[in-house]
Protein backbone atom coordinates (compact mmCIF):
# COMPACT_ATOMS: atom_id res chain seq x y z
CA UNK A 1 0.00 0.00 0.00
CA UNK A 2 1.46 3.35 -1.06
CA UNK A 3 0.34 6.77 0.11
CA UNK A 4 0.98 10.19 -1.41
CA UNK A 5 -0.13 13.66 -0.36
CA UNK A 6 -1.39 15.72 -3.27
CA UNK A 7 -3.17 18.96 -3.90
CA UNK A 8 -5.54 19.61 -6.80
CA UNK A 9 -5.50 23.38 -7.28
CA UNK A 10 -8.02 23.62 -10.10
CA UNK A 11 -10.91 21.74 -11.66
CA UNK A 12 -8.58 21.02 -14.57
CA UNK A 13 -6.10 19.39 -12.15
CA UNK A 14 -8.95 17.25 -10.78
CA UNK A 15 -9.89 16.12 -14.31
CA UNK A 16 -6.27 15.26 -15.12
CA UNK A 17 -5.99 13.32 -11.86
CA UNK A 18 -9.13 11.25 -12.58
CA UNK A 19 -8.01 10.58 -16.17
CA UNK A 20 -4.57 9.43 -15.01
CA UNK A 21 -6.17 7.24 -12.33
CA UNK A 22 -8.52 5.62 -14.84
CA UNK A 23 -5.53 4.37 -16.87
CA UNK A 24 -4.38 2.23 -13.93
CA UNK A 25 -5.61 -1.34 -13.47
CA UNK A 26 -5.50 -1.17 -9.65
CA UNK A 27 -7.68 0.49 -7.03
CA UNK A 28 -6.89 4.07 -6.08
CA UNK A 29 -8.61 5.88 -3.21
CA UNK A 30 -8.53 9.52 -2.18
CA UNK A 31 -8.94 10.42 1.49
CA UNK A 32 -9.87 13.70 3.09
CA UNK A 33 -10.89 13.70 6.76
CA UNK A 34 -13.15 10.66 7.08
CA UNK A 35 -14.28 10.66 3.46
CA UNK A 36 -12.96 7.98 1.09
CA UNK A 37 -13.50 8.50 -2.65
CA UNK A 38 -12.68 6.30 -5.63
CA UNK A 39 -10.02 8.24 -7.56
CA UNK A 40 -11.59 7.07 -10.83
CA UNK A 41 -14.87 8.89 -10.06
CA UNK A 42 -14.95 12.46 -11.40
CA UNK A 43 -18.05 13.25 -9.34
CA UNK A 44 -16.44 11.86 -6.21
CA UNK A 45 -13.21 13.81 -6.69
CA UNK A 46 -15.09 17.01 -7.53
CA UNK A 47 -17.09 16.64 -4.30
CA UNK A 48 -13.90 16.92 -2.23
CA UNK A 49 -12.62 20.19 -0.82
CA UNK A 50 -9.99 20.94 -3.46
CA UNK A 51 -8.41 23.64 -1.27
CA UNK A 52 -7.11 20.93 1.09
CA UNK A 53 -4.27 18.42 0.93
CA UNK A 54 -5.62 15.03 -0.13
CA UNK A 55 -4.17 11.59 0.56
CA UNK A 56 -3.98 9.15 -2.36
CA UNK A 57 -3.66 5.46 -1.50
CA UNK A 58 -2.98 2.70 -4.03
CA UNK A 59 -1.52 -0.77 -4.23
CA UNK A 60 -0.29 -1.12 -7.80
CA UNK A 61 2.84 -0.12 -9.66
CA UNK A 62 2.74 2.34 -12.55
CA UNK A 63 5.75 4.57 -13.20
CA UNK A 64 3.78 6.97 -15.41
CA UNK A 65 1.09 7.42 -12.74
CA UNK A 66 3.66 7.97 -10.01
CA UNK A 67 5.43 10.57 -12.16
CA UNK A 68 2.06 12.30 -12.59
CA UNK A 69 1.51 12.25 -8.81
CA UNK A 70 4.94 13.86 -8.40
CA UNK A 71 3.62 16.91 -10.27
CA UNK A 72 0.60 17.11 -7.93
CA UNK A 73 2.54 16.49 -4.72
CA UNK A 74 1.43 18.78 -1.89
CA UNK A 75 5.02 19.89 -1.17
CA UNK A 76 5.50 21.00 -4.77
CA UNK A 77 2.26 22.98 -5.01
CA UNK A 78 2.34 26.69 -4.28
CA UNK A 79 -0.75 28.47 -3.04
CA UNK A 80 -2.57 30.53 -5.64
C-alpha cells in the first residue's frame, strides 16, 4: 500500500488526476478527513474540498502514474 499527499489546485487538475487514475488497473482511493472516494470517479473527486491536501492510497505499480503524482505532490504545489 502506497500513500501520497497531493493537492488539486483547479478543476482542470482534478480532471487530469481522474483521467490518469482511470488508466491504472488497480484500485486508487482519495482520502480527506473521514471521506474515502474512488479516484476514478470524477463526481467523487469534484465533491472533495480541493483547497485541502488530499491523501492518495494505491496498491499497484505504474511509473507513469507515479510521475504524474509527483507533479501534484502537496510539497510541490504553491498556493494561488
